[in-house]
Amino acid sequence: MTQSMSRVSCCIDNGPMEGWQGIIKEMRVVLHPQVNSYDELNDSICKTIDYYINEDPQKRFNGLTAGEMCKEAMKGNIKSYPIAPNHRIERYWQEINEKKVKEAKKILS
């Protein structure tokens, strides 16, 4: 569990998913700190995901849980809940673009 989720936000193409995994990992440690076997780990992950969906109000959803937001969407009450920008990823792409410009200037010189 620790090893498979230790790279939170390091993978550009999987950033949002790895970020979510990091949230679940941290919540699991707080909610279920005493895990001594694979079965207990599996059970604690399932309970943590259930907690995240059904009991954890989220600022992004204006205080609704993910489950409540999903139920509203299923009723046709679809609202926009944009994901906050990831400044690490934005800086990464900015640096890539700056390198491209620098290389283009070298070629044109």
N, C-alpha and C. Protein backbone atom coordinates (compact mmCIF):
# COMPACT_ATOMS: atom_id res chain seq x y z
N MET A 1 0.83 -1.20 0.00
CA MET A 1 0.00 0.00 0.00
C MET A 1 0.87 1.26 0.00
N THR A 2 1.81 1.34 0.90
CA THR A 2 2.66 2.52 0.99
C THR A 2 3.48 2.69 -0.27
N GLN A 3 4.10 1.62 -0.73
CA GLN A 3 4.96 1.71 -1.90
C GLN A 3 4.17 2.05 -3.16
N SER A 4 3.01 1.46 -3.34
CA SER A 4 2.27 1.68 -4.57
C SER A 4 1.68 3.09 -4.65
N MET A 5 1.57 3.78 -3.55
CA MET A 5 0.99 5.12 -3.57
C MET A 5 1.98 6.19 -3.09
N SER A 6 3.26 5.90 -3.16
CA SER A 6 4.23 6.82 -2.60
C SER A 6 4.61 7.94 -3.55
N ARG A 7 4.12 7.93 -4.79
CA ARG A 7 4.52 8.93 -5.76
C ARG A 7 3.40 9.92 -6.05
N VAL A 8 2.64 10.30 -5.06
CA VAL A 8 1.48 11.17 -5.27
C VAL A 8 1.90 12.44 -5.99
N SER A 9 1.20 12.76 -7.07
CA SER A 9 1.39 13.96 -7.88
C SER A 9 2.72 14.00 -8.62
N CYS A 10 3.44 12.92 -8.68
CA CYS A 10 4.71 12.91 -9.41
C CYS A 10 4.53 12.48 -10.86
N CYS A 11 3.48 11.81 -11.16
CA CYS A 11 3.26 11.30 -12.50
C CYS A 11 2.33 12.28 -13.23
N ILE A 12 2.83 12.93 -14.27
CA ILE A 12 2.07 13.97 -14.95
C ILE A 12 0.77 13.45 -15.52
N ASP A 13 0.79 12.29 -16.18
CA ASP A 13 -0.43 11.81 -16.82
C ASP A 13 -1.42 11.20 -15.85
N ASN A 14 -1.00 10.85 -14.64
CA ASN A 14 -1.89 10.25 -13.66
C ASN A 14 -2.07 11.13 -12.43
N GLY A 15 -1.72 12.40 -12.52
CA GLY A 15 -1.75 13.28 -11.36
C GLY A 15 -3.04 13.25 -10.57
N PRO A 16 -4.21 13.46 -11.21
CA PRO A 16 -5.46 13.47 -10.43
C PRO A 16 -5.73 12.14 -9.73
N MET A 17 -5.51 11.03 -10.42
CA MET A 17 -5.77 9.72 -9.80
C MET A 17 -4.81 9.46 -8.66
N GLU A 18 -3.54 9.77 -8.87
CA GLU A 18 -2.57 9.56 -7.80
C GLU A 18 -2.84 10.50 -6.63
N GLY A 19 -3.35 11.70 -6.93
CA GLY A 19 -3.72 12.62 -5.85
C GLY A 19 -4.85 12.04 -5.01
N TRP A 20 -5.84 11.44 -5.69
CA TRP A 20 -6.96 10.82 -4.99
C TRP A 20 -6.46 9.63 -4.17
N GLN A 21 -5.57 8.85 -4.73
CA GLN A 21 -5.01 7.72 -3.98
C GLN A 21 -4.29 8.21 -2.74
N GLY A 22 -3.59 9.33 -2.86
CA GLY A 22 -2.90 9.88 -1.70
C GLY A 22 -3.88 10.31 -0.62
N ILE A 23 -5.00 10.90 -1.04
CA ILE A 23 -6.04 11.30 -0.08
C ILE A 23 -6.56 10.07 0.66
N ILE A 24 -6.88 9.02 -0.10
CA ILE A 24 -7.40 7.79 0.51
C ILE A 24 -6.35 7.18 1.44
N LYS A 25 -5.10 7.18 1.01
CA LYS A 25 -4.03 6.62 1.84
C LYS A 25 -3.95 7.37 3.18
N GLU A 26 -3.95 8.70 3.12
CA GLU A 26 -3.86 9.48 4.35
C GLU A 26 -5.08 9.29 5.23
N MET A 27 -6.27 9.26 4.63
CA MET A 27 -7.49 9.05 5.40
C MET A 27 -7.48 7.68 6.07
N ARG A 28 -7.02 6.67 5.34
CA ARG A 28 -6.99 5.32 5.88
C ARG A 28 -6.11 5.25 7.11
N VAL A 29 -4.98 5.90 7.05
CA VAL A 29 -4.05 5.88 8.20
C VAL A 29 -4.70 6.53 9.42
N VAL A 30 -5.45 7.60 9.20
CA VAL A 30 -6.11 8.29 10.31
C VAL A 30 -7.29 7.48 10.84
N LEU A 31 -8.13 6.98 9.91
CA LEU A 31 -9.34 6.26 10.32
C LEU A 31 -9.06 4.85 10.84
N HIS A 32 -8.06 4.20 10.29
CA HIS A 32 -7.76 2.79 10.63
C HIS A 32 -6.25 2.61 10.82
N PRO A 33 -5.70 3.16 11.89
CA PRO A 33 -4.23 3.10 12.06
C PRO A 33 -3.69 1.71 12.38
N GLN A 34 -4.48 0.85 12.97
CA GLN A 34 -4.00 -0.47 13.38
C GLN A 34 -4.38 -1.53 12.33
N VAL A 35 -3.47 -1.77 11.39
CA VAL A 35 -3.68 -2.78 10.35
C VAL A 35 -2.53 -3.77 10.46
N ASN A 36 -2.88 -5.06 10.63
CA ASN A 36 -1.84 -6.06 10.85
C ASN A 36 -1.84 -7.19 9.83
N SER A 37 -2.73 -7.14 8.87
CA SER A 37 -2.77 -8.21 7.88
C SER A 37 -3.32 -7.67 6.56
N TYR A 38 -3.17 -8.46 5.52
CA TYR A 38 -3.70 -8.08 4.21
C TYR A 38 -5.21 -7.90 4.28
N ASP A 39 -5.89 -8.82 4.94
CA ASP A 39 -7.36 -8.74 5.05
C ASP A 39 -7.79 -7.47 5.78
N GLU A 40 -7.08 -7.12 6.85
CA GLU A 40 -7.40 -5.89 7.57
C GLU A 40 -7.12 -4.67 6.70
N LEU A 41 -6.04 -4.71 5.93
CA LEU A 41 -5.72 -3.61 5.03
C LEU A 41 -6.81 -3.46 3.98
N ASN A 42 -7.20 -4.55 3.36
CA ASN A 42 -8.24 -4.53 2.35
C ASN A 42 -9.55 -3.96 2.93
N ASP A 43 -9.91 -4.44 4.09
CA ASP A 43 -11.13 -3.97 4.76
C ASP A 43 -11.03 -2.47 5.08
N SER A 44 -9.88 -2.04 5.56
CA SER A 44 -9.72 -0.63 5.92
C SER A 44 -9.76 0.27 4.68
N ILE A 45 -9.25 -0.19 3.56
CA ILE A 45 -9.31 0.59 2.32
C ILE A 45 -10.77 0.72 1.88
N CYS A 46 -11.51 -0.38 1.90
CA CYS A 46 -12.93 -0.34 1.51
C CYS A 46 -13.72 0.60 2.41
N LYS A 47 -13.48 0.53 3.71
CA LYS A 47 -14.18 1.41 4.65
C LYS A 47 -13.79 2.87 4.45
N THR A 48 -12.54 3.12 4.12
CA THR A 48 -12.07 4.49 3.90
C THR A 48 -12.71 5.07 2.64
N ILE A 49 -12.77 4.28 1.58
CA ILE A 49 -13.40 4.75 0.35
C ILE A 49 -14.89 5.03 0.59
N ASP A 50 -15.54 4.15 1.35
CA ASP A 50 -16.94 4.38 1.69
C ASP A 50 -17.09 5.67 2.49
N TYR A 51 -16.20 5.91 3.43
CA TYR A 51 -16.22 7.15 4.21
C TYR A 51 -16.05 8.36 3.29
N TYR A 52 -15.08 8.29 2.39
CA TYR A 52 -14.81 9.38 1.46
C TYR A 52 -16.05 9.70 0.62
N ILE A 53 -16.72 8.67 0.13
CA ILE A 53 -17.88 8.87 -0.75
C ILE A 53 -19.10 9.36 0.03
N ASN A 54 -19.36 8.77 1.19
CA ASN A 54 -20.63 9.00 1.88
C ASN A 54 -20.60 9.93 3.09
N GLU A 55 -19.43 10.22 3.64
CA GLU A 55 -19.41 10.98 4.88
C GLU A 55 -18.48 12.19 4.88
N ASP A 56 -17.66 12.36 3.87
CA ASP A 56 -16.66 13.43 3.86
C ASP A 56 -17.13 14.61 3.01
N PRO A 57 -17.69 15.67 3.65
CA PRO A 57 -18.13 16.82 2.86
C PRO A 57 -16.93 17.51 2.22
N GLN A 58 -17.10 17.91 0.98
CA GLN A 58 -15.97 18.48 0.26
C GLN A 58 -16.22 19.93 -0.13
N LYS A 59 -15.25 20.75 0.14
CA LYS A 59 -15.32 22.18 -0.19
C LYS A 59 -15.63 22.36 -1.67
N ARG A 60 -14.96 21.56 -2.50
CA ARG A 60 -15.14 21.65 -3.95
C ARG A 60 -16.60 21.44 -4.37
N PHE A 61 -17.34 20.62 -3.62
CA PHE A 61 -18.74 20.33 -3.93
C PHE A 61 -19.69 21.16 -3.07
N ASN A 62 -19.21 22.29 -2.57
CA ASN A 62 -20.01 23.19 -1.72
C ASN A 62 -20.60 22.48 -0.51
N GLY A 63 -19.80 21.63 0.12
CA GLY A 63 -20.22 20.95 1.35
C GLY A 63 -20.91 19.61 1.14
N LEU A 64 -21.17 19.23 -0.09
CA LEU A 64 -21.76 17.91 -0.35
C LEU A 64 -20.67 16.85 -0.29
N THR A 65 -21.06 15.63 0.01
CA THR A 65 -20.12 14.51 -0.12
C THR A 65 -20.08 14.11 -1.59
N ALA A 66 -19.10 13.33 -1.96
CA ALA A 66 -19.02 12.85 -3.35
C ALA A 66 -20.27 12.04 -3.70
N GLY A 67 -20.76 11.25 -2.77
CA GLY A 67 -21.97 10.46 -3.00
C GLY A 67 -23.20 11.32 -3.20
N GLU A 68 -23.34 12.37 -2.39
CA GLU A 68 -24.48 13.27 -2.54
C GLU A 68 -24.43 14.00 -3.88
N MET A 69 -23.24 14.42 -4.27
CA MET A 69 -23.06 15.10 -5.54
C MET A 69 -23.42 14.17 -6.69
N CYS A 70 -23.02 12.91 -6.58
CA CYS A 70 -23.33 11.92 -7.61
C CYS A 70 -24.84 11.69 -7.71
N LYS A 71 -25.51 11.58 -6.56
CA LYS A 71 -26.97 11.39 -6.57
C LYS A 71 -27.68 12.57 -7.23
N GLU A 72 -27.21 13.78 -6.95
CA GLU A 72 -27.79 14.97 -7.58
C GLU A 72 -27.60 14.93 -9.09
N ALA A 73 -26.41 14.55 -9.52
CA ALA A 73 -26.12 14.47 -10.95
C ALA A 73 -26.99 13.41 -11.62
N MET A 74 -27.23 12.30 -10.93
CA MET A 74 -28.06 11.23 -11.49
C MET A 74 -29.52 11.68 -11.65
N LYS A 75 -29.94 12.65 -10.84
CA LYS A 75 -31.29 13.20 -10.95
C LYS A 75 -31.37 14.24 -12.06
N GLY A 76 -30.25 14.57 -12.66
CA GLY A 76 -30.22 15.57 -13.72
C GLY A 76 -29.79 16.94 -13.25
N ASN A 77 -29.50 17.06 -11.96
CA ASN A 77 -29.03 18.34 -11.40
C ASN A 77 -27.51 18.43 -11.57
N ILE A 78 -27.08 18.60 -12.80
CA ILE A 78 -25.65 18.58 -13.10
C ILE A 78 -25.10 20.00 -12.95
N LYS A 79 -24.10 20.12 -12.11
CA LYS A 79 -23.44 21.41 -11.88
C LYS A 79 -21.96 21.25 -12.18
N SER A 80 -21.33 22.34 -12.39
CA SER A 80 -19.89 22.32 -12.67
C SER A 80 -19.12 22.47 -11.35
N TYR A 81 -18.24 21.54 -11.11
CA TYR A 81 -17.37 21.58 -9.93
C TYR A 81 -15.93 21.46 -10.43
N PRO A 82 -15.37 22.56 -10.91
CA PRO A 82 -14.03 22.47 -11.50
C PRO A 82 -12.96 22.05 -10.49
N ILE A 83 -12.01 21.31 -11.00
CA ILE A 83 -10.87 20.88 -10.18
C ILE A 83 -9.91 22.07 -10.09
N ALA A 84 -9.42 22.32 -8.91
CA ALA A 84 -8.45 23.42 -8.72
C ALA A 84 -7.22 23.16 -9.57
N PRO A 85 -6.62 24.21 -10.10
CA PRO A 85 -5.43 24.03 -10.93
C PRO A 85 -4.29 23.40 -10.13
N ASN A 86 -3.54 22.57 -10.80
CA ASN A 86 -2.35 21.95 -10.20
C ASN A 86 -1.15 22.77 -10.65
N HIS A 87 -0.64 23.59 -9.75
CA HIS A 87 0.43 24.51 -10.12
C HIS A 87 1.73 23.78 -10.47
N ARG A 88 1.95 22.62 -9.92
CA ARG A 88 3.15 21.84 -10.28
C ARG A 88 3.09 21.44 -11.74
N ILE A 89 1.94 20.98 -12.18
CA ILE A 89 1.80 20.56 -13.57
C ILE A 89 1.86 21.78 -14.48
N GLU A 90 1.25 22.88 -14.09
CA GLU A 90 1.31 24.10 -14.89
C GLU A 90 2.75 24.58 -15.05
N ARG A 91 3.54 24.56 -13.95
CA ARG A 91 4.95 24.96 -14.02
C ARG A 91 5.74 24.01 -14.92
N TYR A 92 5.43 22.72 -14.83
CA TYR A 92 6.11 21.73 -15.65
C TYR A 92 5.93 22.07 -17.14
N TRP A 93 4.69 22.31 -17.56
CA TRP A 93 4.42 22.62 -18.96
C TRP A 93 4.98 23.98 -19.36
N GLN A 94 5.00 24.91 -18.43
CA GLN A 94 5.61 26.21 -18.72
C GLN A 94 7.09 26.04 -19.00
N GLU A 95 7.77 25.23 -18.19
CA GLU A 95 9.19 24.97 -18.40
C GLU A 95 9.43 24.27 -19.74
N ILE A 96 8.56 23.33 -20.12
CA ILE A 96 8.69 22.65 -21.41
C ILE A 96 8.57 23.67 -22.55
N ASN A 97 7.56 24.54 -22.45
CA ASN A 97 7.37 25.55 -23.50
C ASN A 97 8.55 26.51 -23.58
N GLU A 98 9.09 26.89 -22.42
CA GLU A 98 10.26 27.78 -22.42
C GLU A 98 11.46 27.11 -23.07
N LYS A 99 11.63 25.81 -22.83
CA LYS A 99 12.73 25.07 -23.47
C LYS A 99 12.52 25.01 -24.98
N LYS A 100 11.28 24.82 -25.42
CA LYS A 100 10.99 24.78 -26.86
C LYS A 100 11.34 26.11 -27.52
N VAL A 101 10.95 27.20 -26.86
CA VAL A 101 11.24 28.53 -27.40
C VAL A 101 12.75 28.75 -27.47
N LYS A 102 13.44 28.37 -26.42
CA LYS A 102 14.90 28.53 -26.37
C LYS A 102 15.57 27.74 -27.49
N GLU A 103 15.12 26.49 -27.71
CA GLU A 103 15.68 25.66 -28.78
C GLU A 103 15.37 26.24 -30.15
N ALA A 104 14.14 26.75 -30.31
CA ALA A 104 13.77 27.37 -31.60
C ALA A 104 14.63 28.59 -31.89
N LYS A 105 14.91 29.39 -30.87
CA LYS A 105 15.76 30.58 -31.06
C LYS A 105 17.18 30.17 -31.45
N LYS A 106 17.67 29.06 -30.88
CA LYS A 106 19.01 28.57 -31.24
C LYS A 106 19.05 28.19 -32.71
N ILE A 107 18.01 27.49 -33.15
CA ILE A 107 17.95 27.03 -34.55
C ILE A 107 17.86 28.21 -35.50
N LEU A 108 17.10 29.23 -35.14
CA LEU A 108 16.92 30.39 -36.01
C LEU A 108 18.12 31.33 -36.00
N SER A 109 18.99 31.20 -35.01
CA SER A 109 20.16 32.09 -34.91
C SER A 109 21.23 31.73 -35.89
